[in-house]
Amino acid sequence: MFRLALLPLALTLAGCPDDGGGTTPTDDDDGGSSTSGSTTATTQTTLTTAGSSSSSTGSAESGTDTSADTTVGTTMGETETDGTTTDTTGEPTGSSSSGGGSSSTGGLMCEAPEEPCGEVCIDTTTSLENCGMCERACVGEETCVDSLCNGTYELVINGDFAAGTDDWTAGNNPDQVLSCMEIADDEAIVFVDQGGFISNAPGSTGPSSHVFYQDFMVPEGVTVANFTMAFAQNPPEPLDPANVQTIVKDCLDENMDGFNENAFRIDLIDPAEDVYTAPILFEVATPDMVVGDPIAPAFEGVTNDTPELVTFLEGQAGNMLRLRIAHVESTFPWTSAFDDVSLVVDVAY
């Protein structure tokens, strides 16, 4: 009887908060509602503390939701505030971009347009040693503009012939088509230094074909190209460069095209090919009329600064090319002379 009498009292105490602020159940529910309310409070406290680092001790007793004290988005005991990840001890564990055009590497924060390069912030839009990216250096007298190395290069060496024919090669092609076998051939004529300019004077006494050439490397990123040369020649009639694709004499128009087979040509060819018979990769200039006076001499300008030349050189970046100047006399002699040969390019890469 004593034990049974205590049971209602125990049930009543279980449904009452320790601070006495709870509601005493009525006789109608036999104390069942107080037990259910206690279970719910404990469950809510457990869900709140699952995503936080605080202890659940005391939460079940007070019924207070501690989630408001925990930063949303925490993971594995870390909180994120102001772009910096911090563990529960308050120590920073790394850095991240804070937006607004800034960047970071290894904890170094840089404001745009600067970027972290090693342990310093560098403006890669203008830095000569870090142009466009870290450790990408411009060379020589190039400048860094808008993250691109910019420069101007003369690709021809000794084009003014101040050092005579240094860096150039002259040659005469002894080969000829069959019809020239019956005509005295002049294999002695080559382009020579005439005291500051180049000429094939004195003129030949028979058919001849001769070249003057130099090899060069095409740089990367050609945006502008300009070929210029001071030039003079005195052919007795118009020349026929369109029908002279190789530097070989054709004394009696053996190819039967009805033209005189004479030409002065400036071309770009592959250095690996024969200098006389190489396929023409790009036709720079083919003057076919009287120009100035090669004897006086009195020069006029020959120029090629076309978009086609730029496009061609862009496609040859990193390759060696041969600038070949050629004179072919098949049916009549004449004199040609030139000076100040130049091929200037602007690059941006």
Protein backbone atom coordinates (compact mmCIF):
# COMPACT_ATOMS: atom_id res chain seq x y z
CA MET A 1 0.00 0.00 0.00
CA PHE A 2 2.83 2.36 0.77
CA ARG A 3 4.50 1.84 -2.63
CA LEU A 4 1.29 2.31 -4.55
CA ALA A 5 0.60 5.54 -2.75
CA LEU A 6 3.94 7.00 -3.82
CA LEU A 7 3.43 6.30 -7.55
CA PRO A 8 1.15 9.30 -8.31
CA LEU A 9 3.57 11.56 -6.45
CA ALA A 10 6.55 10.30 -8.56
CA LEU A 11 4.69 10.83 -11.77
CA THR A 12 3.76 14.32 -10.72
CA LEU A 13 7.38 15.19 -9.89
CA ALA A 14 8.63 13.81 -13.23
CA GLY A 15 6.39 16.16 -15.16
CA CYS A 16 7.47 19.29 -13.27
CA PRO A 17 10.49 21.43 -14.23
CA ASP A 18 13.17 21.84 -11.55
CA ASP A 19 12.51 25.55 -11.35
CA GLY A 20 8.85 25.06 -10.66
CA GLY A 21 7.84 26.98 -13.77
CA GLY A 22 6.02 24.02 -15.40
CA THR A 23 2.30 23.17 -15.40
CA THR A 24 0.93 20.51 -13.11
CA PRO A 25 -1.14 17.96 -14.99
CA THR A 26 -4.80 17.57 -14.09
CA ASP A 27 -6.45 14.43 -12.86
CA ASP A 28 -8.03 13.92 -16.33
CA ASP A 29 -4.77 12.94 -18.19
CA ASP A 30 -3.31 10.79 -15.38
CA GLY A 31 0.09 12.48 -15.87
CA GLY A 32 0.63 11.18 -19.47
CA SER A 33 1.01 14.60 -21.00
CA SER A 34 3.90 15.54 -18.73
CA THR A 35 5.92 12.50 -19.79
CA SER A 36 5.38 13.29 -23.49
CA GLY A 37 6.44 16.91 -23.02
CA SER A 38 9.68 15.84 -21.33
CA THR A 39 10.59 13.55 -24.21
CA THR A 40 9.97 16.28 -26.81
CA ALA A 41 12.18 18.78 -25.01
CA THR A 42 15.06 16.30 -24.89
CA THR A 43 14.69 15.51 -28.62
CA GLN A 44 14.77 19.20 -29.63
CA THR A 45 17.90 19.78 -27.62
CA THR A 46 19.65 16.84 -29.29
CA LEU A 47 18.86 18.15 -32.84
CA THR A 48 20.12 21.62 -31.98
CA THR A 49 23.47 20.51 -30.65
CA ALA A 50 24.18 18.03 -33.48
CA GLY A 51 25.44 20.83 -35.70
CA SER A 52 27.28 22.81 -33.04
CA SER A 53 30.26 22.38 -30.81
CA SER A 54 28.43 23.25 -27.54
CA SER A 55 27.52 20.58 -25.00
CA SER A 56 23.90 19.41 -24.59
CA THR A 57 24.31 19.46 -20.84
CA GLY A 58 21.82 21.85 -19.36
CA SER A 59 19.93 22.35 -22.64
CA ALA A 60 17.45 19.62 -21.85
CA GLU A 61 16.86 21.14 -18.46
CA SER A 62 16.31 24.71 -19.61
CA GLY A 63 14.70 23.94 -23.01
CA THR A 64 16.83 26.72 -24.56
CA ASP A 65 17.73 26.41 -28.32
CA THR A 66 21.50 27.05 -28.56
CA SER A 67 21.57 27.13 -32.37
CA ALA A 68 21.44 30.93 -32.32
CA ASP A 69 24.93 30.96 -30.79
CA THR A 70 26.44 28.88 -33.62
CA THR A 71 27.45 30.35 -37.03
CA VAL A 72 25.48 28.80 -39.91
CA GLY A 73 27.62 26.73 -42.27
CA THR A 74 30.12 25.38 -39.76
CA THR A 75 31.79 22.11 -40.64
CA MET A 76 33.93 19.79 -38.57
CA GLY A 77 34.32 22.26 -35.71
CA GLU A 78 35.22 25.26 -37.95
CA THR A 79 33.45 28.57 -38.40
CA GLU A 80 33.67 30.97 -41.34
CA THR A 81 33.71 34.69 -40.59
CA ASP A 82 34.74 37.51 -42.94
CA GLY A 83 36.22 35.11 -45.51
CA THR A 84 38.64 33.46 -43.03
CA THR A 85 38.18 29.87 -41.85
CA THR A 86 38.78 29.52 -38.12
CA ASP A 87 38.73 26.42 -35.94
CA THR A 88 37.10 26.33 -32.53
CA THR A 89 40.29 27.58 -30.90
CA GLY A 90 40.08 30.84 -32.86
CA GLU A 91 43.24 30.18 -34.91
CA PRO A 92 43.09 30.89 -38.70
CA THR A 93 43.44 27.80 -40.88
CA GLY A 94 43.81 29.42 -44.34
CA SER A 95 42.52 32.19 -46.58
CA SER A 96 40.10 32.59 -49.44
CA SER A 97 39.17 35.22 -51.99
CA SER A 98 37.17 38.02 -50.45
CA GLY A 99 35.84 39.24 -53.81
CA GLY A 100 36.17 42.76 -55.13
CA GLY A 101 38.92 41.87 -57.64
CA SER A 102 41.42 40.51 -55.16
CA SER A 103 43.37 37.25 -55.33
CA SER A 104 45.35 35.18 -52.89
CA THR A 105 47.90 32.41 -52.77
CA GLY A 106 49.26 30.86 -49.61
CA GLY A 107 47.68 33.57 -47.47
CA LEU A 108 49.04 36.52 -49.56
CA MET A 109 46.16 38.82 -50.53
CA CYS A 110 46.60 41.08 -53.61
CA GLU A 111 44.30 43.71 -55.06
CA ALA A 112 43.67 43.57 -58.84
CA PRO A 113 45.46 43.99 -61.17
CA GLU A 114 48.20 42.65 -58.91
CA GLU A 115 48.64 38.89 -58.47
CA PRO A 116 50.60 36.87 -55.92
CA CYS A 117 54.00 35.92 -57.38
CA GLY A 118 56.06 34.15 -54.77
CA GLU A 119 55.87 36.29 -51.64
CA VAL A 120 55.05 39.62 -53.32
CA CYS A 121 52.12 41.17 -55.19
CA ILE A 122 52.97 41.98 -58.82
CA ASP A 123 51.06 43.99 -61.43
CA THR A 124 51.23 41.42 -64.23
CA THR A 125 49.73 43.85 -66.73
CA THR A 126 52.97 45.86 -66.85
CA SER A 127 55.73 43.78 -65.18
CA LEU A 128 58.64 42.96 -67.52
CA GLU A 129 59.55 39.87 -65.47
CA ASN A 130 55.95 38.70 -64.92
CA CYS A 131 54.01 39.83 -67.99
CA GLY A 132 50.54 38.32 -68.05
CA MET A 133 51.54 35.69 -65.50
CA CYS A 134 54.22 34.98 -62.93
CA GLU A 135 57.75 34.30 -64.29
CA ARG A 136 56.82 35.12 -67.91
CA ALA A 137 59.55 37.59 -68.79
CA CYS A 138 59.71 39.91 -71.77
CA VAL A 139 63.10 40.03 -73.51
CA GLY A 140 65.44 42.67 -74.84
CA GLU A 141 63.83 46.08 -75.13
CA GLU A 142 60.27 44.75 -75.09
CA THR A 143 57.64 46.38 -72.90
CA CYS A 144 54.72 44.77 -71.08
CA VAL A 145 51.41 46.35 -72.08
CA ASP A 146 48.03 44.92 -71.06
CA SER A 147 49.68 41.65 -70.01
CA LEU A 148 51.39 41.19 -73.41
CA CYS A 149 55.09 41.54 -74.25
CA ASN A 150 55.42 44.14 -77.02
CA GLY A 151 58.47 44.76 -79.14
CA THR A 152 59.78 45.82 -82.55
CA TYR A 153 62.38 43.72 -84.35
CA GLU A 154 64.52 44.14 -87.45
CA LEU A 155 64.81 40.63 -88.89
CA VAL A 156 67.45 41.45 -91.51
CA ILE A 157 71.08 41.74 -90.42
CA ASN A 158 73.41 44.18 -92.21
CA GLY A 159 70.67 45.26 -94.59
CA ASP A 160 72.42 48.57 -95.20
CA PHE A 161 75.61 46.73 -96.22
CA ALA A 162 77.76 48.88 -93.98
CA ALA A 163 79.75 45.69 -93.36
CA GLY A 164 79.88 44.75 -97.03
CA THR A 165 78.24 41.41 -97.73
CA ASP A 166 78.63 40.02 -94.20
CA ASP A 167 75.68 37.81 -93.14
CA TRP A 168 74.62 37.42 -96.78
CA THR A 169 75.34 34.69 -99.34
CA ALA A 170 75.68 35.25 -103.08
CA GLY A 171 75.48 32.56 -105.74
CA ASN A 172 75.13 31.88 -109.48
CA ASN A 173 73.09 28.92 -110.71
CA PRO A 174 74.97 26.99 -113.39
CA ASP A 175 71.88 24.94 -114.24
CA GLN A 176 69.82 25.80 -117.28
CA VAL A 177 67.17 24.34 -119.51
CA LEU A 178 68.32 22.44 -122.61
CA SER A 179 67.86 25.37 -125.02
CA CYS A 180 70.53 27.40 -123.22
CA MET A 181 73.20 24.81 -123.96
CA GLU A 182 73.82 26.39 -127.36
CA ILE A 183 74.23 29.90 -125.99
CA ALA A 184 77.25 31.17 -124.09
CA ASP A 185 76.35 31.21 -120.43
CA ASP A 186 77.73 33.68 -117.90
CA GLU A 187 78.27 31.87 -114.62
CA ALA A 188 80.62 34.50 -113.23
CA ILE A 189 78.01 37.13 -112.52
CA VAL A 190 76.93 37.42 -108.89
CA PHE A 191 75.66 40.22 -106.68
CA VAL A 192 78.64 42.09 -105.22
CA ASP A 193 79.29 45.02 -102.91
CA GLN A 194 79.66 48.23 -104.87
CA GLY A 195 80.83 50.37 -101.97
CA GLY A 196 77.73 50.51 -99.76
CA PHE A 197 75.12 48.96 -102.05
CA ILE A 198 74.72 45.67 -103.95
CA SER A 199 74.62 45.23 -107.72
CA ASN A 200 75.25 42.69 -110.46
CA ALA A 201 77.20 45.24 -112.51
CA PRO A 202 79.08 45.00 -114.73
CA GLY A 203 76.36 43.31 -116.76
CA SER A 204 76.60 39.75 -118.00
CA THR A 205 77.57 38.77 -121.53
CA GLY A 206 75.17 35.82 -121.67
CA PRO A 207 72.26 34.21 -119.85
CA SER A 208 72.69 34.08 -116.08
CA SER A 209 70.70 33.54 -112.90
CA HIS A 210 72.00 34.65 -109.54
CA VAL A 211 70.78 35.04 -105.97
CA PHE A 212 71.55 36.95 -102.79
CA TYR A 213 70.00 35.65 -99.58
CA GLN A 214 69.88 35.56 -95.78
CA ASP A 215 68.08 33.34 -93.25
CA PHE A 216 66.14 34.59 -90.21
CA MET A 217 63.94 33.31 -87.40
CA VAL A 218 60.30 34.41 -87.30
CA PRO A 219 59.34 35.64 -83.80
CA GLU A 220 56.12 34.80 -82.01
CA GLY A 221 53.11 37.11 -82.12
CA VAL A 222 53.74 39.18 -85.27
CA THR A 223 51.12 41.94 -85.48
CA VAL A 224 52.73 44.29 -88.01
CA ALA A 225 55.26 43.58 -90.79
CA ASN A 226 56.97 45.99 -93.18
CA PHE A 227 59.45 45.05 -95.89
CA THR A 228 61.35 47.91 -97.56
CA MET A 229 64.25 48.10 -99.98
CA ALA A 230 65.91 50.83 -102.03
CA PHE A 231 65.96 49.50 -105.61
CA ALA A 232 66.87 50.28 -109.22
CA GLN A 233 66.93 48.30 -112.48
CA ASN A 234 67.06 49.04 -116.22
CA PRO A 235 65.51 46.20 -118.28
CA PRO A 236 65.03 47.08 -121.98
CA GLU A 237 61.48 45.72 -121.85
CA PRO A 238 59.05 44.59 -119.14
CA LEU A 239 60.12 41.57 -117.17
CA ASP A 240 58.19 38.32 -116.73
CA PRO A 241 58.26 37.38 -113.02
CA ALA A 242 54.93 35.54 -113.07
CA ASN A 243 56.43 32.91 -115.38
CA VAL A 244 59.76 32.64 -113.56
CA GLN A 245 59.05 30.55 -110.46
CA THR A 246 62.51 29.00 -110.24
CA ILE A 247 65.87 30.71 -110.61
CA VAL A 248 66.82 28.79 -113.74
CA LYS A 249 67.60 30.17 -117.20
CA ASP A 250 65.20 29.43 -120.08
CA CYS A 251 66.93 30.98 -123.07
CA LEU A 252 64.48 30.15 -125.87
CA ASP A 253 61.16 30.03 -123.99
CA GLU A 254 61.30 26.27 -123.83
CA ASN A 255 58.15 26.18 -121.68
CA MET A 256 56.32 27.75 -124.66
CA ASP A 257 54.44 30.35 -122.65
CA GLY A 258 55.34 33.18 -125.05
CA PHE A 259 57.12 35.29 -122.43
CA ASN A 260 60.75 36.38 -122.18
CA GLU A 261 61.59 34.41 -119.00
CA ASN A 262 63.40 37.30 -117.33
CA ALA A 263 62.67 38.36 -113.77
CA PHE A 264 63.76 40.13 -110.64
CA ARG A 265 62.14 38.49 -107.60
CA ILE A 266 62.14 38.90 -103.82
CA ASP A 267 60.67 35.84 -102.10
CA LEU A 268 60.49 33.95 -98.82
CA ILE A 269 61.43 30.28 -99.13
CA ASP A 270 62.29 27.30 -96.93
CA PRO A 271 66.03 27.26 -96.05
CA ALA A 272 65.99 23.47 -96.18
CA GLU A 273 65.16 23.56 -99.91
CA ASP A 274 67.49 24.27 -102.83
CA VAL A 275 68.01 28.01 -103.02
CA TYR A 276 67.36 28.09 -106.79
CA THR A 277 64.44 25.71 -107.17
CA ALA A 278 62.67 25.92 -103.78
CA PRO A 279 58.90 26.45 -103.92
CA ILE A 280 58.00 30.08 -103.24
CA LEU A 281 56.27 30.32 -99.85
CA PHE A 282 55.54 34.04 -100.06
CA GLU A 283 56.10 36.54 -102.86
CA VAL A 284 57.43 39.75 -101.31
CA ALA A 285 57.99 41.86 -104.45
CA THR A 286 58.45 41.39 -108.22
CA PRO A 287 59.23 44.77 -109.86
CA ASP A 288 58.95 44.37 -113.62
CA MET A 289 59.59 47.84 -115.06
CA VAL A 290 62.46 50.30 -115.16
CA VAL A 291 63.05 51.65 -111.67
CA GLY A 292 65.51 54.50 -110.98
CA ASP A 293 69.02 54.08 -112.29
CA PRO A 294 71.21 51.17 -111.12
CA ILE A 295 74.36 52.70 -112.56
CA ALA A 296 74.23 56.19 -111.03
CA PRO A 297 72.77 54.79 -108.74
CA ALA A 298 69.39 56.39 -108.11
CA PHE A 299 67.10 54.23 -106.00
CA GLU A 300 63.36 54.11 -105.46
CA GLY A 301 61.46 52.30 -102.74
CA VAL A 302 60.06 48.78 -102.91
CA THR A 303 57.61 48.04 -100.09
CA ASN A 304 55.38 45.28 -98.79
CA ASP A 305 53.40 45.97 -95.61
CA THR A 306 50.28 44.05 -96.53
CA PRO A 307 48.03 42.09 -94.13
CA GLU A 308 48.90 39.00 -96.17
CA LEU A 309 52.55 39.32 -95.13
CA VAL A 310 51.52 39.62 -91.46
CA THR A 311 49.26 36.56 -91.73
CA PHE A 312 52.02 34.54 -93.39
CA LEU A 313 54.60 35.41 -90.73
CA GLU A 314 52.11 34.68 -87.93
CA GLY A 315 51.78 31.16 -89.31
CA GLN A 316 55.58 30.76 -89.44
CA ALA A 317 56.26 31.69 -85.79
CA GLY A 318 59.37 29.90 -84.52
CA ASN A 319 60.43 28.79 -88.02
CA MET A 320 63.50 29.71 -90.05
CA LEU A 321 62.83 31.43 -93.39
CA ARG A 322 65.10 32.51 -96.20
CA LEU A 323 64.82 35.95 -97.77
CA ARG A 324 65.96 35.41 -101.36
CA ILE A 325 66.69 38.20 -103.85
CA ALA A 326 67.00 36.78 -107.38
CA HIS A 327 67.86 38.03 -110.85
CA VAL A 328 67.18 35.80 -113.89
CA GLU A 329 68.43 36.74 -117.38
CA SER A 330 67.24 34.33 -120.03
CA THR A 331 66.87 36.35 -123.23
CA PHE A 332 68.48 39.76 -122.55
CA PRO A 333 70.83 41.28 -119.95
CA TRP A 334 70.18 44.20 -117.65
CA THR A 335 71.50 45.57 -114.38
CA SER A 336 69.83 45.62 -110.97
CA ALA A 337 70.99 47.21 -107.72
CA PHE A 338 69.63 47.55 -104.19
CA ASP A 339 70.37 48.88 -100.71
CA ASP A 340 68.80 49.22 -97.24
CA VAL A 341 67.01 45.87 -97.20
CA SER A 342 64.74 45.73 -94.14
CA LEU A 343 62.02 43.53 -92.68
CA VAL A 344 60.66 45.07 -89.46
CA VAL A 345 57.96 43.41 -87.37
CA ASP A 346 55.99 44.39 -84.30
CA VAL A 347 55.14 41.57 -81.89
CA ALA A 348 52.70 41.13 -79.01
CA TYR A 349 52.49 37.82 -77.17
